[in-house]
Amino acid sequence: MTATRVVPAAKTGSAIATVASGFTVATLLGVPLGALLGQGAGWRAPFAALTVLSLVGTVLLAAVLPRQETPSTRLRDEIRVVTRRPVMLAIATTAVGYSGVATVFTYIAPLLTRVSGFSAAAVSGLLLAYGAGSFLGNLTAGKLTDKSMSATARGVFGGLAGTLLPWCGSQPPWQQFWYSVCSPPQPSPRCRD
């Protein structure tokens, strides 16, 4: 990964967190701006804007990043590395984490407005707070990872699990699993009119 090659080894966690924070900021700003652009100029406009921004970003990175020699490896060596258990665990964890973020952004607005009763204006503020918290969390986790990766991972997952504890006591575990996996969010009765 380029981000880890251009920084000292002691700053690898911060470099990765900076890259991940770019994704967070893109989501934080891109979701509301894309929705606004799509409503005003049609659904194709956000995709066209993203295409232009991606091309500009590619050209900028090609111009700014230092040239590096590409290590010559065989496909078999690459597959051997990717299929190692720690690498597979890291890939799976990342996939589950980003799937969670995508799920939140897919369902959060209807849940907040139809089920919880928040206004559309409040949803924007709540999404902004969510995005700001994700951004600050990424940066903080990156700094902590520079000190101890395993302690940071345990702390982050422990904190995430801790936020679910109040909800977990309200239903039996099998029912929590069933609702979280098999039940789509239902609109409140007042929204069916």
N, C-alpha and C. Protein backbone atom coordinates (compact mmCIF):
# COMPACT_ATOMS: atom_id res chain seq x y z
N MET A 1 0.85 -1.17 0.00
CA MET A 1 0.00 0.00 0.00
C MET A 1 0.90 1.24 0.00
N THR A 2 0.62 2.15 -0.88
CA THR A 2 1.45 3.34 -1.05
C THR A 2 1.52 4.17 0.22
N ALA A 3 0.41 4.31 0.93
CA ALA A 3 0.38 5.15 2.13
C ALA A 3 1.38 4.67 3.18
N THR A 4 1.58 3.37 3.28
CA THR A 4 2.50 2.86 4.29
C THR A 4 3.95 2.92 3.85
N ARG A 5 4.20 3.09 2.55
CA ARG A 5 5.58 3.17 2.06
C ARG A 5 6.17 4.56 2.15
N VAL A 6 5.33 5.58 2.22
CA VAL A 6 5.85 6.95 2.21
C VAL A 6 5.96 7.54 3.61
N VAL A 7 5.70 6.74 4.65
CA VAL A 7 5.82 7.21 6.03
C VAL A 7 6.75 6.29 6.80
N PRO A 8 7.32 6.76 7.91
CA PRO A 8 8.12 5.87 8.75
C PRO A 8 7.27 4.72 9.30
N ALA A 9 7.90 3.60 9.60
CA ALA A 9 7.19 2.41 10.08
C ALA A 9 6.36 2.70 11.33
N ALA A 10 6.81 3.61 12.18
CA ALA A 10 6.09 3.92 13.41
C ALA A 10 4.79 4.68 13.15
N LYS A 11 4.60 5.19 11.95
CA LYS A 11 3.41 5.98 11.61
C LYS A 11 2.47 5.24 10.65
N THR A 12 2.65 3.93 10.50
CA THR A 12 1.84 3.17 9.57
C THR A 12 0.35 3.24 9.91
N GLY A 13 0.02 3.09 11.18
CA GLY A 13 -1.39 3.16 11.60
C GLY A 13 -2.02 4.49 11.27
N SER A 14 -1.28 5.56 11.51
CA SER A 14 -1.80 6.90 11.18
C SER A 14 -1.98 7.08 9.68
N ALA A 15 -1.07 6.53 8.89
CA ALA A 15 -1.19 6.65 7.43
C ALA A 15 -2.42 5.93 6.92
N ILE A 16 -2.65 4.73 7.41
CA ILE A 16 -3.84 3.98 7.00
C ILE A 16 -5.10 4.69 7.48
N ALA A 17 -5.07 5.24 8.70
CA ALA A 17 -6.23 5.96 9.22
C ALA A 17 -6.52 7.21 8.39
N THR A 18 -5.48 7.86 7.89
CA THR A 18 -5.68 9.04 7.05
C THR A 18 -6.38 8.65 5.75
N VAL A 19 -5.96 7.53 5.16
CA VAL A 19 -6.63 7.05 3.94
C VAL A 19 -8.09 6.71 4.26
N ALA A 20 -8.32 5.97 5.35
CA ALA A 20 -9.68 5.61 5.73
C ALA A 20 -10.52 6.85 6.05
N SER A 21 -9.90 7.87 6.61
CA SER A 21 -10.62 9.11 6.90
C SER A 21 -11.04 9.80 5.61
N GLY A 22 -10.27 9.61 4.56
CA GLY A 22 -10.69 10.14 3.26
C GLY A 22 -12.00 9.51 2.81
N PHE A 23 -12.14 8.19 3.03
CA PHE A 23 -13.40 7.52 2.71
C PHE A 23 -14.53 8.08 3.58
N THR A 24 -14.23 8.31 4.84
CA THR A 24 -15.25 8.83 5.75
C THR A 24 -15.70 10.23 5.34
N VAL A 25 -14.75 11.09 5.02
CA VAL A 25 -15.10 12.44 4.60
C VAL A 25 -15.87 12.40 3.27
N ALA A 26 -15.46 11.51 2.38
CA ALA A 26 -16.18 11.38 1.12
C ALA A 26 -17.63 10.97 1.36
N THR A 27 -17.84 10.07 2.29
CA THR A 27 -19.21 9.67 2.63
C THR A 27 -19.94 10.78 3.35
N LEU A 28 -19.27 11.42 4.28
CA LEU A 28 -19.87 12.50 5.06
C LEU A 28 -20.35 13.63 4.17
N LEU A 29 -19.52 14.03 3.21
CA LEU A 29 -19.88 15.12 2.32
C LEU A 29 -20.58 14.62 1.06
N GLY A 30 -20.18 13.45 0.58
CA GLY A 30 -20.70 12.96 -0.69
C GLY A 30 -22.15 12.54 -0.66
N VAL A 31 -22.59 11.92 0.43
CA VAL A 31 -23.98 11.46 0.48
C VAL A 31 -24.95 12.64 0.42
N PRO A 32 -24.81 13.64 1.29
CA PRO A 32 -25.77 14.76 1.19
C PRO A 32 -25.60 15.59 -0.08
N LEU A 33 -24.35 15.82 -0.51
CA LEU A 33 -24.15 16.60 -1.73
C LEU A 33 -24.62 15.84 -2.97
N GLY A 34 -24.39 14.53 -3.00
CA GLY A 34 -24.86 13.72 -4.11
C GLY A 34 -26.38 13.69 -4.17
N ALA A 35 -27.02 13.58 -3.01
CA ALA A 35 -28.48 13.59 -2.97
C ALA A 35 -29.01 14.95 -3.44
N LEU A 36 -28.39 16.01 -3.01
CA LEU A 36 -28.80 17.36 -3.41
C LEU A 36 -28.63 17.54 -4.92
N LEU A 37 -27.48 17.15 -5.44
CA LEU A 37 -27.21 17.26 -6.87
C LEU A 37 -28.17 16.39 -7.68
N GLY A 38 -28.42 15.18 -7.19
CA GLY A 38 -29.34 14.28 -7.88
C GLY A 38 -30.77 14.81 -7.92
N GLN A 39 -31.19 15.45 -6.84
CA GLN A 39 -32.54 16.01 -6.81
C GLN A 39 -32.66 17.20 -7.76
N GLY A 40 -31.59 17.98 -7.86
CA GLY A 40 -31.65 19.18 -8.69
C GLY A 40 -31.35 18.94 -10.15
N ALA A 41 -30.45 17.99 -10.46
CA ALA A 41 -30.00 17.83 -11.84
C ALA A 41 -30.25 16.43 -12.40
N GLY A 42 -30.91 15.57 -11.66
CA GLY A 42 -31.18 14.21 -12.13
C GLY A 42 -30.19 13.21 -11.55
N TRP A 43 -30.58 11.95 -11.57
CA TRP A 43 -29.78 10.93 -10.90
C TRP A 43 -28.44 10.68 -11.57
N ARG A 44 -28.26 11.04 -12.82
CA ARG A 44 -26.98 10.81 -13.50
C ARG A 44 -25.92 11.83 -13.10
N ALA A 45 -26.35 13.00 -12.66
CA ALA A 45 -25.41 14.09 -12.34
C ALA A 45 -24.40 13.70 -11.26
N PRO A 46 -24.80 13.06 -10.12
CA PRO A 46 -23.78 12.68 -9.13
C PRO A 46 -22.75 11.70 -9.69
N PHE A 47 -23.19 10.80 -10.57
CA PHE A 47 -22.24 9.83 -11.16
C PHE A 47 -21.26 10.53 -12.09
N ALA A 48 -21.75 11.50 -12.85
CA ALA A 48 -20.86 12.27 -13.72
C ALA A 48 -19.86 13.07 -12.89
N ALA A 49 -20.34 13.68 -11.80
CA ALA A 49 -19.45 14.45 -10.93
C ALA A 49 -18.39 13.54 -10.30
N LEU A 50 -18.79 12.35 -9.87
CA LEU A 50 -17.82 11.41 -9.29
C LEU A 50 -16.79 10.96 -10.31
N THR A 51 -17.22 10.77 -11.54
CA THR A 51 -16.28 10.38 -12.59
C THR A 51 -15.23 11.46 -12.80
N VAL A 52 -15.66 12.72 -12.89
CA VAL A 52 -14.73 13.83 -13.07
C VAL A 52 -13.79 13.94 -11.86
N LEU A 53 -14.33 13.86 -10.64
CA LEU A 53 -13.49 13.94 -9.44
C LEU A 53 -12.49 12.79 -9.37
N SER A 54 -12.91 11.60 -9.77
CA SER A 54 -11.99 10.46 -9.78
C SER A 54 -10.85 10.64 -10.76
N LEU A 55 -11.16 11.15 -11.94
CA LEU A 55 -10.10 11.40 -12.92
C LEU A 55 -9.14 12.47 -12.44
N VAL A 56 -9.66 13.54 -11.86
CA VAL A 56 -8.80 14.59 -11.32
C VAL A 56 -7.93 14.04 -10.20
N GLY A 57 -8.52 13.23 -9.31
CA GLY A 57 -7.75 12.62 -8.22
C GLY A 57 -6.65 11.71 -8.72
N THR A 58 -6.93 10.93 -9.75
CA THR A 58 -5.93 10.03 -10.32
C THR A 58 -4.76 10.81 -10.90
N VAL A 59 -5.05 11.85 -11.64
CA VAL A 59 -3.99 12.68 -12.23
C VAL A 59 -3.18 13.35 -11.12
N LEU A 60 -3.85 13.86 -10.10
CA LEU A 60 -3.16 14.52 -8.99
C LEU A 60 -2.23 13.55 -8.25
N LEU A 61 -2.73 12.35 -7.95
CA LEU A 61 -1.89 11.36 -7.26
C LEU A 61 -0.70 10.95 -8.12
N ALA A 62 -0.91 10.77 -9.40
CA ALA A 62 0.19 10.40 -10.29
C ALA A 62 1.26 11.49 -10.32
N ALA A 63 0.85 12.74 -10.18
CA ALA A 63 1.81 13.85 -10.22
C ALA A 63 2.52 14.05 -8.88
N VAL A 64 1.86 13.78 -7.78
CA VAL A 64 2.39 14.14 -6.45
C VAL A 64 3.15 13.00 -5.77
N LEU A 65 2.67 11.76 -5.91
CA LEU A 65 3.30 10.65 -5.19
C LEU A 65 4.68 10.35 -5.76
N PRO A 66 5.61 9.97 -4.88
CA PRO A 66 6.96 9.64 -5.38
C PRO A 66 6.94 8.35 -6.20
N ARG A 67 7.81 8.31 -7.18
CA ARG A 67 7.94 7.10 -8.00
C ARG A 67 8.61 6.01 -7.16
N GLN A 68 8.07 4.79 -7.25
CA GLN A 68 8.62 3.67 -6.49
C GLN A 68 8.74 2.47 -7.39
N GLU A 69 9.76 1.67 -7.10
CA GLU A 69 9.94 0.44 -7.83
C GLU A 69 8.87 -0.56 -7.40
N THR A 70 8.29 -1.22 -8.36
CA THR A 70 7.29 -2.24 -8.07
C THR A 70 8.02 -3.55 -7.82
N PRO A 71 7.76 -4.17 -6.66
CA PRO A 71 8.42 -5.45 -6.41
C PRO A 71 7.91 -6.50 -7.38
N SER A 72 8.83 -7.31 -7.87
CA SER A 72 8.42 -8.36 -8.81
C SER A 72 8.07 -9.60 -8.01
N THR A 73 6.81 -9.99 -8.09
CA THR A 73 6.35 -11.19 -7.41
C THR A 73 5.54 -12.03 -8.39
N ARG A 74 5.47 -13.29 -8.09
CA ARG A 74 4.66 -14.19 -8.91
C ARG A 74 3.25 -14.25 -8.35
N LEU A 75 2.31 -14.59 -9.19
CA LEU A 75 0.92 -14.70 -8.78
C LEU A 75 0.76 -15.69 -7.64
N ARG A 76 1.49 -16.79 -7.69
CA ARG A 76 1.43 -17.79 -6.63
C ARG A 76 1.83 -17.19 -5.28
N ASP A 77 2.86 -16.35 -5.27
CA ASP A 77 3.29 -15.70 -4.03
C ASP A 77 2.21 -14.75 -3.50
N GLU A 78 1.58 -14.01 -4.40
CA GLU A 78 0.51 -13.09 -3.99
C GLU A 78 -0.66 -13.86 -3.39
N ILE A 79 -1.04 -14.96 -4.03
CA ILE A 79 -2.16 -15.76 -3.53
C ILE A 79 -1.81 -16.37 -2.18
N ARG A 80 -0.56 -16.81 -2.02
CA ARG A 80 -0.13 -17.39 -0.75
C ARG A 80 -0.25 -16.36 0.38
N VAL A 81 0.11 -15.11 0.11
CA VAL A 81 0.01 -14.07 1.13
C VAL A 81 -1.45 -13.76 1.46
N VAL A 82 -2.27 -13.61 0.43
CA VAL A 82 -3.67 -13.24 0.64
C VAL A 82 -4.45 -14.34 1.35
N THR A 83 -4.07 -15.59 1.16
CA THR A 83 -4.81 -16.69 1.78
C THR A 83 -4.32 -17.04 3.18
N ARG A 84 -3.35 -16.30 3.70
CA ARG A 84 -2.92 -16.52 5.09
C ARG A 84 -4.05 -16.12 6.02
N ARG A 85 -4.19 -16.83 7.12
CA ARG A 85 -5.30 -16.60 8.04
C ARG A 85 -5.38 -15.16 8.55
N PRO A 86 -4.30 -14.53 9.01
CA PRO A 86 -4.43 -13.15 9.49
C PRO A 86 -4.88 -12.18 8.40
N VAL A 87 -4.42 -12.41 7.17
CA VAL A 87 -4.81 -11.54 6.06
C VAL A 87 -6.29 -11.73 5.75
N MET A 88 -6.74 -12.98 5.71
CA MET A 88 -8.15 -13.27 5.46
C MET A 88 -9.03 -12.67 6.56
N LEU A 89 -8.57 -12.74 7.80
CA LEU A 89 -9.32 -12.15 8.91
C LEU A 89 -9.40 -10.63 8.75
N ALA A 90 -8.30 -10.01 8.36
CA ALA A 90 -8.31 -8.56 8.15
C ALA A 90 -9.24 -8.18 7.00
N ILE A 91 -9.23 -8.93 5.92
CA ILE A 91 -10.12 -8.65 4.79
C ILE A 91 -11.57 -8.83 5.20
N ALA A 92 -11.87 -9.91 5.92
CA ALA A 92 -13.25 -10.15 6.36
C ALA A 92 -13.73 -9.07 7.32
N THR A 93 -12.86 -8.67 8.24
CA THR A 93 -13.22 -7.61 9.19
C THR A 93 -13.51 -6.31 8.47
N THR A 94 -12.67 -5.97 7.51
CA THR A 94 -12.88 -4.75 6.73
C THR A 94 -14.18 -4.82 5.94
N ALA A 95 -14.44 -5.96 5.32
CA ALA A 95 -15.67 -6.13 4.54
C ALA A 95 -16.90 -5.99 5.42
N VAL A 96 -16.88 -6.61 6.59
CA VAL A 96 -18.02 -6.51 7.50
C VAL A 96 -18.19 -5.07 7.99
N GLY A 97 -17.07 -4.41 8.31
CA GLY A 97 -17.15 -3.03 8.78
C GLY A 97 -17.73 -2.09 7.74
N TYR A 98 -17.24 -2.18 6.52
CA TYR A 98 -17.75 -1.29 5.48
C TYR A 98 -19.16 -1.68 5.05
N SER A 99 -19.52 -2.96 5.16
CA SER A 99 -20.90 -3.35 4.90
C SER A 99 -21.83 -2.73 5.94
N GLY A 100 -21.36 -2.67 7.17
CA GLY A 100 -22.15 -2.01 8.22
C GLY A 100 -22.37 -0.54 7.93
N VAL A 101 -21.33 0.13 7.47
CA VAL A 101 -21.46 1.55 7.13
C VAL A 101 -22.44 1.74 5.97
N ALA A 102 -22.32 0.89 4.95
CA ALA A 102 -23.23 0.99 3.81
C ALA A 102 -24.66 0.71 4.23
N THR A 103 -24.84 -0.24 5.13
CA THR A 103 -26.18 -0.56 5.62
C THR A 103 -26.77 0.62 6.39
N VAL A 104 -25.95 1.24 7.21
CA VAL A 104 -26.42 2.41 7.95
C VAL A 104 -26.91 3.48 6.99
N PHE A 105 -26.13 3.79 5.98
CA PHE A 105 -26.52 4.86 5.07
C PHE A 105 -27.69 4.45 4.17
N THR A 106 -27.91 3.16 3.99
CA THR A 106 -29.05 2.71 3.20
C THR A 106 -30.36 2.89 3.96
N TYR A 107 -30.35 2.56 5.24
CA TYR A 107 -31.59 2.53 6.01
C TYR A 107 -31.77 3.67 7.01
N ILE A 108 -30.74 4.44 7.27
CA ILE A 108 -30.82 5.37 8.39
C ILE A 108 -31.86 6.48 8.19
N ALA A 109 -31.92 7.07 7.01
CA ALA A 109 -32.88 8.17 6.82
C ALA A 109 -34.32 7.70 6.98
N PRO A 110 -34.75 6.60 6.33
CA PRO A 110 -36.12 6.15 6.55
C PRO A 110 -36.39 5.74 8.00
N LEU A 111 -35.41 5.11 8.64
CA LEU A 111 -35.60 4.73 10.04
C LEU A 111 -35.77 5.95 10.94
N LEU A 112 -34.93 6.96 10.70
CA LEU A 112 -35.01 8.15 11.55
C LEU A 112 -36.29 8.95 11.31
N THR A 113 -36.75 9.03 10.07
CA THR A 113 -37.95 9.83 9.80
C THR A 113 -39.23 9.05 10.03
N ARG A 114 -39.32 7.83 9.50
CA ARG A 114 -40.57 7.08 9.56
C ARG A 114 -40.79 6.35 10.87
N VAL A 115 -39.72 5.82 11.44
CA VAL A 115 -39.86 5.03 12.66
C VAL A 115 -39.64 5.89 13.90
N SER A 116 -38.56 6.67 13.89
CA SER A 116 -38.23 7.46 15.08
C SER A 116 -38.89 8.83 15.11
N GLY A 117 -39.40 9.30 13.98
CA GLY A 117 -40.13 10.56 13.98
C GLY A 117 -39.29 11.82 13.85
N PHE A 118 -38.03 11.71 13.47
CA PHE A 118 -37.20 12.90 13.27
C PHE A 118 -37.61 13.61 11.98
N SER A 119 -37.41 14.91 11.95
CA SER A 119 -37.68 15.66 10.72
C SER A 119 -36.52 15.45 9.74
N ALA A 120 -36.76 15.79 8.47
CA ALA A 120 -35.71 15.66 7.45
C ALA A 120 -34.51 16.53 7.80
N ALA A 121 -34.75 17.71 8.36
CA ALA A 121 -33.65 18.59 8.75
C ALA A 121 -32.82 17.98 9.87
N ALA A 122 -33.48 17.31 10.80
CA ALA A 122 -32.75 16.67 11.90
C ALA A 122 -31.90 15.51 11.39
N VAL A 123 -32.40 14.80 10.38
CA VAL A 123 -31.64 13.67 9.82
C VAL A 123 -30.31 14.16 9.26
N SER A 124 -30.32 15.29 8.57
CA SER A 124 -29.06 15.83 8.04
C SER A 124 -28.08 16.10 9.17
N GLY A 125 -28.54 16.69 10.25
CA GLY A 125 -27.67 16.96 11.39
C GLY A 125 -27.16 15.69 12.04
N LEU A 126 -28.03 14.69 12.15
CA LEU A 126 -27.62 13.41 12.74
C LEU A 126 -26.59 12.70 11.86
N LEU A 127 -26.79 12.75 10.53
CA LEU A 127 -25.81 12.14 9.62
C LEU A 127 -24.48 12.88 9.68
N LEU A 128 -24.54 14.19 9.83
CA LEU A 128 -23.32 14.96 9.96
C LEU A 128 -22.58 14.58 11.24
N ALA A 129 -23.33 14.43 12.34
CA ALA A 129 -22.71 14.02 13.61
C ALA A 129 -22.11 12.61 13.49
N TYR A 130 -22.84 11.72 12.83
CA TYR A 130 -22.34 10.35 12.62
C TYR A 130 -21.04 10.38 11.82
N GLY A 131 -21.02 11.14 10.75
CA GLY A 131 -19.83 11.23 9.91
C GLY A 131 -18.66 11.87 10.63
N ALA A 132 -18.94 12.93 11.40
CA ALA A 132 -17.87 13.59 12.16
C ALA A 132 -17.29 12.65 13.20
N GLY A 133 -18.17 11.88 13.86
CA GLY A 133 -17.69 10.90 14.83
C GLY A 133 -16.85 9.81 14.18
N SER A 134 -17.26 9.37 13.00
CA SER A 134 -16.48 8.36 12.27
C SER A 134 -15.11 8.91 11.88
N PHE A 135 -15.09 10.15 11.42
CA PHE A 135 -13.83 10.78 11.02
C PHE A 135 -12.88 10.89 12.21
N LEU A 136 -13.37 11.43 13.31
CA LEU A 136 -12.53 11.57 14.51
C LEU A 136 -12.12 10.21 15.06
N GLY A 137 -13.04 9.23 14.99
CA GLY A 137 -12.71 7.88 15.45
C GLY A 137 -11.60 7.25 14.62
N ASN A 138 -11.63 7.45 13.30
CA ASN A 138 -10.58 6.93 12.43
C ASN A 138 -9.22 7.53 12.80
N LEU A 139 -9.19 8.84 12.95
CA LEU A 139 -7.91 9.49 13.29
C LEU A 139 -7.39 9.03 14.64
N THR A 140 -8.28 8.95 15.63
CA THR A 140 -7.87 8.51 16.97
C THR A 140 -7.38 7.07 16.95
N ALA A 141 -8.12 6.19 16.26
CA ALA A 141 -7.70 4.79 16.18
C ALA A 141 -6.36 4.66 15.47
N GLY A 142 -6.12 5.50 14.46
CA GLY A 142 -4.83 5.46 13.78
C GLY A 142 -3.68 5.81 14.70
N LYS A 143 -3.86 6.86 15.49
CA LYS A 143 -2.81 7.25 16.45
C LYS A 143 -2.59 6.16 17.49
N LEU A 144 -3.68 5.57 17.97
CA LEU A 144 -3.55 4.51 18.97
C LEU A 144 -2.93 3.25 18.37
N THR A 145 -3.21 2.98 17.10
CA THR A 145 -2.63 1.81 16.43
C THR A 145 -1.11 1.94 16.31
N ASP A 146 -0.63 3.18 16.15
CA ASP A 146 0.82 3.39 16.12
C ASP A 146 1.46 2.93 17.42
N LYS A 147 0.71 3.00 18.53
CA LYS A 147 1.25 2.58 19.83
C LYS A 147 1.06 1.08 20.06
N SER A 148 -0.17 0.56 19.80
CA SER A 148 -0.44 -0.87 19.99
C SER A 148 -1.63 -1.28 19.14
N MET A 149 -1.36 -2.05 18.09
CA MET A 149 -2.43 -2.46 17.19
C MET A 149 -3.43 -3.38 17.88
N SER A 150 -2.94 -4.36 18.62
CA SER A 150 -3.86 -5.33 19.24
C SER A 150 -4.72 -4.68 20.31
N ALA A 151 -4.14 -3.80 21.12
CA ALA A 151 -4.93 -3.13 22.15
C ALA A 151 -5.97 -2.21 21.52
N THR A 152 -5.61 -1.55 20.43
CA THR A 152 -6.57 -0.68 19.74
C THR A 152 -7.73 -1.49 19.17
N ALA A 153 -7.42 -2.62 18.53
CA ALA A 153 -8.48 -3.46 17.96
C ALA A 153 -9.41 -3.97 19.05
N ARG A 154 -8.85 -4.42 20.17
CA ARG A 154 -9.69 -4.89 21.28
C ARG A 154 -10.54 -3.74 21.83
N GLY A 155 -9.95 -2.57 21.96
CA GLY A 155 -10.70 -1.42 22.48
C GLY A 155 -11.82 -0.98 21.55
N VAL A 156 -11.54 -0.94 20.25
CA VAL A 156 -12.57 -0.52 19.29
C VAL A 156 -13.72 -1.50 19.28
N PHE A 157 -13.42 -2.81 19.15
CA PHE A 157 -14.50 -3.78 19.10
C PHE A 157 -15.21 -3.90 20.44
N GLY A 158 -14.49 -3.75 21.53
CA GLY A 158 -15.13 -3.73 22.84
C GLY A 158 -16.08 -2.54 22.99
N GLY A 159 -15.63 -1.38 22.50
CA GLY A 159 -16.49 -0.20 22.55
C GLY A 159 -17.73 -0.35 21.69
N LEU A 160 -17.57 -0.91 20.50
CA LEU A 160 -18.73 -1.14 19.62
C LEU A 160 -19.70 -2.12 20.26
N ALA A 161 -19.16 -3.19 20.83
CA ALA A 161 -20.03 -4.16 21.50
C ALA A 161 -20.72 -3.52 22.70
N GLY A 162 -20.01 -2.67 23.41
CA GLY A 162 -20.59 -2.00 24.57
C GLY A 162 -21.76 -1.09 24.22
N THR A 163 -21.71 -0.48 23.04
CA THR A 163 -22.83 0.37 22.65
C THR A 163 -24.09 -0.44 22.36
N LEU A 164 -23.93 -1.73 22.09
CA LEU A 164 -25.09 -2.58 21.82
C LEU A 164 -25.67 -3.21 23.08
N LEU A 165 -24.96 -3.16 24.19
CA LEU A 165 -25.42 -3.84 25.40
C LEU A 165 -26.80 -3.39 25.87
N PRO A 166 -27.12 -2.09 25.89
CA PRO A 166 -28.47 -1.73 26.35
C PRO A 166 -29.57 -2.37 25.50
N TRP A 167 -29.35 -2.49 24.21
CA TRP A 167 -30.34 -3.10 23.33
C TRP A 167 -30.40 -4.61 23.54
N CYS A 168 -29.27 -5.22 23.81
CA CYS A 168 -29.20 -6.67 23.93
C CYS A 168 -30.04 -7.21 25.09
N GLY A 169 -30.21 -6.45 26.13
CA GLY A 169 -30.99 -6.93 27.27
C GLY A 169 -32.48 -6.93 27.03
N SER A 170 -32.94 -6.32 25.93
CA SER A 170 -34.38 -6.19 25.72
C SER A 170 -35.01 -7.37 25.00
N GLN A 171 -34.22 -8.25 24.39
CA GLN A 171 -34.74 -9.39 23.65
C GLN A 171 -33.81 -10.58 23.83
N PRO A 172 -34.35 -11.79 23.68
CA PRO A 172 -33.47 -12.96 23.73
C PRO A 172 -32.49 -12.95 22.55
N PRO A 173 -31.30 -13.53 22.71
CA PRO A 173 -30.29 -13.48 21.64
C PRO A 173 -30.76 -14.02 20.29
N TRP A 174 -31.50 -15.13 20.26
CA TRP A 174 -31.95 -15.68 18.98
C TRP A 174 -32.86 -14.70 18.26
N GLN A 175 -33.69 -13.97 19.03
CA GLN A 175 -34.61 -13.01 18.43
C GLN A 175 -33.84 -11.79 17.90
N GLN A 176 -32.82 -11.36 18.62
CA GLN A 176 -31.99 -10.25 18.15
C GLN A 176 -31.35 -10.61 16.81
N PHE A 177 -30.80 -11.82 16.73
CA PHE A 177 -30.18 -12.27 15.48
C PHE A 177 -31.20 -12.30 14.35
N TRP A 178 -32.36 -12.90 14.62
CA TRP A 178 -33.39 -13.02 13.60
C TRP A 178 -33.81 -11.65 13.09
N TYR A 179 -34.07 -10.71 13.98
CA TYR A 179 -34.50 -9.37 13.56
C TYR A 179 -33.41 -8.63 12.81
N SER A 180 -32.17 -8.78 13.26
CA SER A 180 -31.10 -8.03 12.60
C SER A 180 -30.78 -8.58 11.22
N VAL A 181 -30.96 -9.87 11.00
CA VAL A 181 -30.61 -10.48 9.72
C VAL A 181 -31.80 -10.59 8.77
N CYS A 182 -32.96 -10.92 9.30
CA CYS A 182 -34.08 -11.31 8.44
C CYS A 182 -35.19 -10.28 8.31
N SER A 183 -35.23 -9.27 9.14
CA SER A 183 -36.36 -8.36 9.11
C SER A 183 -35.97 -7.00 8.56
N PRO A 184 -36.60 -6.57 7.47
CA PRO A 184 -36.35 -5.21 6.99
C PRO A 184 -37.03 -4.22 7.92
N PRO A 185 -36.57 -2.98 7.95
CA PRO A 185 -37.22 -2.00 8.80
C PRO A 185 -38.66 -1.78 8.35
N GLN A 186 -39.55 -1.68 9.30
CA GLN A 186 -40.97 -1.48 9.01
C GLN A 186 -41.34 -0.03 9.30
N PRO A 187 -42.10 0.61 8.39
CA PRO A 187 -42.53 1.97 8.66
C PRO A 187 -43.56 1.98 9.78
N SER A 188 -43.63 3.08 10.50
CA SER A 188 -44.61 3.20 11.55
C SER A 188 -46.00 3.29 10.95
N PRO A 189 -47.05 2.96 11.72
CA PRO A 189 -48.41 2.98 11.18
C PRO A 189 -48.81 4.33 10.61
N ARG A 190 -48.31 5.42 11.16
CA ARG A 190 -48.72 6.74 10.69
C ARG A 190 -48.17 7.04 9.29
N CYS A 191 -47.18 6.29 8.83
CA CYS A 191 -46.59 6.52 7.50
C CYS A 191 -47.32 5.75 6.40
N ARG A 192 -48.24 4.91 6.77
CA ARG A 192 -48.93 4.08 5.77
C ARG A 192 -50.08 4.83 5.13
N ASP A 193 -50.43 5.99 5.62
CA ASP A 193 -51.58 6.75 5.07
C ASP A 193 -51.29 7.29 3.71
